[in-house]
Amino acid sequence: MKIVRLRGGPSPAGRGRQEGMSLVEVLVALVLLALTILGILPLFTSSMRSNQSGRDITASVHHAKNQAENLFSLPIDRQEYQLPAGALSAQSVESWVATGSPGLNEGKWVAVLSPTDSPVWTRTTVLRHYSIARYLPAYAALYGRVPLPGGTAETLVHVRENMVDVAGFRAVGVEFSTARSF
């Protein structure tokens, strides 16, 4: 006759010894697990902040580049390219106002905010006109590289500079400049 042992019973070598983990071992394991989780948790919050910052920078670059490309594609005689008489530059400030669902994807640029508007971005566009003659070494040594005043004859304007600065309300901003020669 063969003796069959059932699992879980005491073994002949360790009679009276129970198998498994004691309460102290379980508590030590839980404490180690809690310390590990508490050490990793700040990495997740830091990652979320970095992702939001990256999203803001990407959006500000998009808005700045979009405005600079729009100005760059306009014909030279458009009103958007003209400077007021006597002014060395023209500056416009607009705000991006979210429309529809909250977020940065849907919205519009407005020059004047209404009391109910909540701006997400502020875009400052500066236009300047230059003459190639002002970049010649002799002229630059005398006068510096000063832009031409508004009202200068179009035949003397050789370079138009567009500078677009987009800043968010989370202290993220980007500046994008283009120059167009004629």
C-alpha atoms as a PDB file:
ATOM      1  CA  MET A   1       0.000   0.000   0.000  1.00  0.00           C
ATOM      2  CA  LYS A   2       1.241   3.438  -0.970  1.00  0.00           C
ATOM      3  CA  ILE A   3       0.940   6.485   1.294  1.00  0.00           C
ATOM      4  CA  VAL A   4      -0.277   9.616  -0.432  1.00  0.00           C
ATOM      5  CA  ARG A   5       0.335  12.969   1.180  1.00  0.00           C
ATOM      6  CA  LEU A   6      -1.933  15.892   0.601  1.00  0.00           C
ATOM      7  CA  ARG A   7      -0.413  19.274  -0.050  1.00  0.00           C
ATOM      8  CA  GLY A   8      -0.432  21.829   2.674  1.00  0.00           C
ATOM      9  CA  GLY A   9       0.092  19.383   5.458  1.00  0.00           C
ATOM     10  CA  PRO A  10       3.126  19.384   7.698  1.00  0.00           C
ATOM     11  CA  SER A  11       6.202  17.837   6.146  1.00  0.00           C
ATOM     12  CA  PRO A  12       8.096  15.198   8.027  1.00  0.00           C
ATOM     13  CA  ALA A  13      11.311  17.272   8.141  1.00  0.00           C
ATOM     14  CA  GLY A  14       9.719  20.458   9.499  1.00  0.00           C
ATOM     15  CA  ARG A  15       6.994  19.212  11.745  1.00  0.00           C
ATOM     16  CA  GLY A  16       5.084  22.015  13.376  1.00  0.00           C
ATOM     17  CA  ARG A  17       6.445  24.721  11.023  1.00  0.00           C
ATOM     18  CA  GLN A  18       3.833  26.724   9.167  1.00  0.00           C
ATOM     19  CA  GLU A  19       4.447  27.901   5.638  1.00  0.00           C
ATOM     20  CA  GLY A  20       3.572  31.408   4.377  1.00  0.00           C
ATOM     21  CA  MET A  21       4.361  34.957   5.420  1.00  0.00           C
ATOM     22  CA  SER A  22       4.039  36.438   8.837  1.00  0.00           C
ATOM     23  CA  LEU A  23       2.187  39.687   9.525  1.00  0.00           C
ATOM     24  CA  VAL A  24       5.501  41.514  10.085  1.00  0.00           C
ATOM     25  CA  GLU A  25       6.788  40.463   6.677  1.00  0.00           C
ATOM     26  CA  VAL A  26       3.581  41.651   5.013  1.00  0.00           C
ATOM     27  CA  LEU A  27       3.809  45.023   6.814  1.00  0.00           C
ATOM     28  CA  VAL A  28       7.461  45.480   5.800  1.00  0.00           C
ATOM     29  CA  ALA A  29       6.565  44.703   2.179  1.00  0.00           C
ATOM     30  CA  LEU A  30       3.684  47.226   2.274  1.00  0.00           C
ATOM     31  CA  VAL A  31       5.951  49.928   3.734  1.00  0.00           C
ATOM     32  CA  LEU A  32       8.546  49.328   0.998  1.00  0.00           C
ATOM     33  CA  LEU A  33       5.826  49.444  -1.663  1.00  0.00           C
ATOM     34  CA  ALA A  34       4.418  52.704  -0.246  1.00  0.00           C
ATOM     35  CA  LEU A  35       7.875  54.326  -0.181  1.00  0.00           C
ATOM     36  CA  THR A  36       8.477  53.305  -3.778  1.00  0.00           C
ATOM     37  CA  ILE A  37       5.122  54.714  -4.915  1.00  0.00           C
ATOM     38  CA  LEU A  38       5.715  57.958  -3.004  1.00  0.00           C
ATOM     39  CA  GLY A  39       9.112  58.266  -4.685  1.00  0.00           C
ATOM     40  CA  ILE A  40       7.687  57.773  -8.176  1.00  0.00           C
ATOM     41  CA  LEU A  41       4.577  59.947  -7.778  1.00  0.00           C
ATOM     42  CA  PRO A  42       6.422  63.305  -8.193  1.00  0.00           C
ATOM     43  CA  LEU A  43       7.749  62.053 -11.531  1.00  0.00           C
ATOM     44  CA  PHE A  44       4.191  61.800 -12.865  1.00  0.00           C
ATOM     45  CA  THR A  45       3.249  65.319 -11.773  1.00  0.00           C
ATOM     46  CA  SER A  46       6.491  66.692 -13.201  1.00  0.00           C
ATOM     47  CA  SER A  47       5.800  64.880 -16.458  1.00  0.00           C
ATOM     48  CA  MET A  48       2.305  66.389 -16.663  1.00  0.00           C
ATOM     49  CA  ARG A  49       3.706  69.907 -16.119  1.00  0.00           C
ATOM     50  CA  SER A  50       6.358  69.333 -18.784  1.00  0.00           C
ATOM     51  CA  ASN A  51       3.757  68.077 -21.248  1.00  0.00           C
ATOM     52  CA  GLN A  52       1.583  71.162 -20.634  1.00  0.00           C
ATOM     53  CA  SER A  53       4.575  73.462 -21.049  1.00  0.00           C
ATOM     54  CA  GLY A  54       5.531  71.727 -24.288  1.00  0.00           C
ATOM     55  CA  ARG A  55       1.968  72.060 -25.545  1.00  0.00           C
ATOM     56  CA  ASP A  56       1.980  75.788 -24.730  1.00  0.00           C
ATOM     57  CA  ILE A  57       5.300  76.370 -26.483  1.00  0.00           C
ATOM     58  CA  THR A  58       4.140  74.448 -29.556  1.00  0.00           C
ATOM     59  CA  ALA A  59       0.916  76.458 -29.710  1.00  0.00           C
ATOM     60  CA  SER A  60       2.751  79.786 -29.302  1.00  0.00           C
ATOM     61  CA  VAL A  61       5.212  78.884 -32.081  1.00  0.00           C
ATOM     62  CA  HIS A  62       2.268  77.934 -34.294  1.00  0.00           C
ATOM     63  CA  HIS A  63       0.464  81.233 -33.654  1.00  0.00           C
ATOM     64  CA  ALA A  64       3.610  83.333 -34.189  1.00  0.00           C
ATOM     65  CA  LYS A  65       4.684  81.528 -37.335  1.00  0.00           C
ATOM     66  CA  ASN A  66       1.165  81.656 -38.755  1.00  0.00           C
ATOM     67  CA  GLN A  67       1.007  85.459 -38.363  1.00  0.00           C
ATOM     68  CA  ALA A  68       4.507  85.960 -39.783  1.00  0.00           C
ATOM     69  CA  GLU A  69       3.693  83.779 -42.802  1.00  0.00           C
ATOM     70  CA  ASN A  70       0.402  85.620 -43.359  1.00  0.00           C
ATOM     71  CA  LEU A  71       2.237  88.955 -43.413  1.00  0.00           C
ATOM     72  CA  PHE A  72       4.995  87.518 -45.589  1.00  0.00           C
ATOM     73  CA  SER A  73       2.490  86.323 -48.199  1.00  0.00           C
ATOM     74  CA  LEU A  74       0.734  89.712 -48.564  1.00  0.00           C
ATOM     75  CA  PRO A  75       1.509  91.974 -51.522  1.00  0.00           C
ATOM     76  CA  ILE A  76       3.787  94.862 -50.610  1.00  0.00           C
ATOM     77  CA  ASP A  77       1.155  97.555 -51.189  1.00  0.00           C
ATOM     78  CA  ARG A  78      -1.338  96.147 -48.668  1.00  0.00           C
ATOM     79  CA  GLN A  79      -2.446  98.326 -45.771  1.00  0.00           C
ATOM     80  CA  GLU A  80      -1.066  95.804 -43.248  1.00  0.00           C
ATOM     81  CA  TYR A  81       2.451  96.623 -44.481  1.00  0.00           C
ATOM     82  CA  GLN A  82       2.182 100.415 -44.268  1.00  0.00           C
ATOM     83  CA  LEU A  83       3.668 102.440 -41.411  1.00  0.00           C
ATOM     84  CA  PRO A  84       2.103 105.632 -40.063  1.00  0.00           C
ATOM     85  CA  ALA A  85       3.835 108.734 -41.414  1.00  0.00           C
ATOM     86  CA  GLY A  86       6.978 109.513 -39.444  1.00  0.00           C
ATOM     87  CA  ALA A  87       6.819 106.333 -37.307  1.00  0.00           C
ATOM     88  CA  LEU A  88       9.838 103.998 -37.269  1.00  0.00           C
ATOM     89  CA  SER A  89       7.635 100.965 -36.633  1.00  0.00           C
ATOM     90  CA  ALA A  90       4.014  99.873 -36.429  1.00  0.00           C
ATOM     91  CA  GLN A  91       2.824  97.680 -33.599  1.00  0.00           C
ATOM     92  CA  SER A  92      -0.433  95.797 -33.152  1.00  0.00           C
ATOM     93  CA  VAL A  93      -1.532  93.774 -30.136  1.00  0.00           C
ATOM     94  CA  GLU A  94      -4.189  91.079 -30.371  1.00  0.00           C
ATOM     95  CA  SER A  95      -5.494  88.445 -27.964  1.00  0.00           C
ATOM     96  CA  TRP A  96      -6.508  84.853 -28.684  1.00  0.00           C
ATOM     97  CA  VAL A  97      -9.939  84.230 -27.211  1.00  0.00           C
ATOM     98  CA  ALA A  98     -11.177  80.663 -26.918  1.00  0.00           C
ATOM     99  CA  THR A  99     -14.570  80.005 -28.465  1.00  0.00           C
ATOM    100  CA  GLY A 100     -16.793  76.977 -28.049  1.00  0.00           C
ATOM    101  CA  SER A 101     -15.330  74.261 -25.873  1.00  0.00           C
ATOM    102  CA  PRO A 102     -12.534  75.200 -23.462  1.00  0.00           C
ATOM    103  CA  GLY A 103      -9.080  74.742 -24.856  1.00  0.00           C
ATOM    104  CA  LEU A 104      -6.588  76.221 -27.267  1.00  0.00           C
ATOM    105  CA  ASN A 105      -7.873  74.593 -30.449  1.00  0.00           C
ATOM    106  CA  GLU A 106     -10.916  76.746 -31.162  1.00  0.00           C
ATOM    107  CA  GLY A 107     -10.710  80.508 -30.977  1.00  0.00           C
ATOM    108  CA  LYS A 108     -10.061  83.791 -32.753  1.00  0.00           C
ATOM    109  CA  TRP A 109      -7.725  86.776 -32.584  1.00  0.00           C
ATOM    110  CA  VAL A 110      -9.361  89.994 -31.405  1.00  0.00           C
ATOM    111  CA  ALA A 111      -7.866  93.472 -31.114  1.00  0.00           C
ATOM    112  CA  VAL A 112     -10.258  94.654 -28.395  1.00  0.00           C
ATOM    113  CA  LEU A 113     -11.366  92.389 -25.564  1.00  0.00           C
ATOM    114  CA  SER A 114     -14.934  92.434 -24.337  1.00  0.00           C
ATOM    115  CA  PRO A 115     -15.588  92.124 -20.582  1.00  0.00           C
ATOM    116  CA  THR A 116     -16.626  88.474 -21.009  1.00  0.00           C
ATOM    117  CA  ASP A 117     -13.539  87.445 -23.010  1.00  0.00           C
ATOM    118  CA  SER A 118     -10.875  85.348 -21.370  1.00  0.00           C
ATOM    119  CA  PRO A 119      -7.635  85.674 -23.394  1.00  0.00           C
ATOM    120  CA  VAL A 120      -5.347  82.677 -23.715  1.00  0.00           C
ATOM    121  CA  TRP A 121      -2.530  84.240 -25.781  1.00  0.00           C
ATOM    122  CA  THR A 122      -1.352  87.767 -26.561  1.00  0.00           C
ATOM    123  CA  ARG A 123       0.254  88.413 -29.946  1.00  0.00           C
ATOM    124  CA  THR A 124       2.337  91.523 -30.612  1.00  0.00           C
ATOM    125  CA  THR A 125       3.288  92.224 -34.216  1.00  0.00           C
ATOM    126  CA  VAL A 126       5.908  94.857 -35.086  1.00  0.00           C
ATOM    127  CA  LEU A 127       6.663  95.993 -38.646  1.00  0.00           C
ATOM    128  CA  ARG A 128       9.760  97.949 -39.687  1.00  0.00           C
ATOM    129  CA  HIS A 129      11.083  99.186 -43.053  1.00  0.00           C
ATOM    130  CA  TYR A 130      14.781  99.362 -43.954  1.00  0.00           C
ATOM    131  CA  SER A 131      16.888 100.572 -46.860  1.00  0.00           C
ATOM    132  CA  ILE A 132      19.838  98.577 -48.143  1.00  0.00           C
ATOM    133  CA  ALA A 133      21.868 101.805 -48.109  1.00  0.00           C
ATOM    134  CA  ARG A 134      21.551 101.878 -44.325  1.00  0.00           C
ATOM    135  CA  TYR A 135      23.378  98.542 -44.156  1.00  0.00           C
ATOM    136  CA  LEU A 136      26.397  99.728 -46.115  1.00  0.00           C
ATOM    137  CA  PRO A 137      29.417 100.028 -43.803  1.00  0.00           C
ATOM    138  CA  ALA A 138      29.916 103.777 -44.305  1.00  0.00           C
ATOM    139  CA  TYR A 139      26.267 104.596 -43.601  1.00  0.00           C
ATOM    140  CA  ALA A 140      25.969 102.172 -40.689  1.00  0.00           C
ATOM    141  CA  ALA A 141      29.078 103.680 -39.066  1.00  0.00           C
ATOM    142  CA  LEU A 142      27.506 107.157 -39.210  1.00  0.00           C
ATOM    143  CA  TYR A 143      23.854 106.486 -38.457  1.00  0.00           C
ATOM    144  CA  GLY A 144      23.555 102.939 -37.188  1.00  0.00           C
ATOM    145  CA  ARG A 145      20.964 100.531 -38.492  1.00  0.00           C
ATOM    146  CA  VAL A 146      17.895 102.626 -37.910  1.00  0.00           C
ATOM    147  CA  PRO A 147      14.624 101.731 -39.647  1.00  0.00           C
ATOM    148  CA  LEU A 148      13.094 104.102 -42.189  1.00  0.00           C
ATOM    149  CA  PRO A 149      10.243 106.318 -41.016  1.00  0.00           C
ATOM    150  CA  GLY A 150       6.724 105.753 -42.314  1.00  0.00           C
ATOM    151  CA  GLY A 151       5.878 107.750 -45.411  1.00  0.00           C
ATOM    152  CA  THR A 152       9.237 107.023 -47.044  1.00  0.00           C
ATOM    153  CA  ALA A 153       8.945 106.526 -50.801  1.00  0.00           C
ATOM    154  CA  GLU A 154       8.328 102.878 -51.687  1.00  0.00           C
ATOM    155  CA  THR A 155      11.360 102.898 -54.010  1.00  0.00           C
ATOM    156  CA  LEU A 156      13.644 103.446 -51.001  1.00  0.00           C
ATOM    157  CA  VAL A 157      12.225 100.565 -48.950  1.00  0.00           C
ATOM    158  CA  HIS A 158      14.230  97.437 -49.698  1.00  0.00           C
ATOM    159  CA  VAL A 159      13.600  95.261 -46.640  1.00  0.00           C
ATOM    160  CA  ARG A 160      10.507  94.883 -44.475  1.00  0.00           C
ATOM    161  CA  GLU A 161      10.843  93.174 -41.139  1.00  0.00           C
ATOM    162  CA  ASN A 162       7.979  91.403 -39.387  1.00  0.00           C
ATOM    163  CA  MET A 163       8.491  90.519 -35.744  1.00  0.00           C
ATOM    164  CA  VAL A 164       5.759  88.497 -34.053  1.00  0.00           C
ATOM    165  CA  ASP A 165       5.839  87.795 -30.319  1.00  0.00           C
ATOM    166  CA  VAL A 166       3.263  85.414 -28.840  1.00  0.00           C
ATOM    167  CA  ALA A 167       3.041  85.060 -25.067  1.00  0.00           C
ATOM    168  CA  GLY A 168       0.723  82.865 -23.056  1.00  0.00           C
ATOM    169  CA  PHE A 169      -0.658  83.592 -19.644  1.00  0.00           C
ATOM    170  CA  ARG A 170       1.439  80.772 -18.189  1.00  0.00           C
ATOM    171  CA  ALA A 171       4.608  82.809 -18.878  1.00  0.00           C
ATOM    172  CA  VAL A 172       5.410  80.954 -22.097  1.00  0.00           C
ATOM    173  CA  GLY A 173       6.314  83.027 -25.105  1.00  0.00           C
ATOM    174  CA  VAL A 174       8.034  82.858 -28.419  1.00  0.00           C
ATOM    175  CA  GLU A 175       9.340  85.468 -30.839  1.00  0.00           C
ATOM    176  CA  PHE A 176       9.385  84.848 -34.575  1.00  0.00           C
ATOM    177  CA  SER A 177      10.903  87.267 -37.096  1.00  0.00           C
ATOM    178  CA  THR A 178      10.998  87.338 -40.876  1.00  0.00           C
ATOM    179  CA  ALA A 179      12.466  89.852 -43.281  1.00  0.00           C
ATOM    180  CA  ARG A 180      11.278  90.344 -46.845  1.00  0.00           C
ATOM    181  CA  SER A 181      13.428  92.096 -49.414  1.00  0.00           C
ATOM    182  CA  PHE A 182      12.239  93.793 -52.584  1.00  0.00           C
END
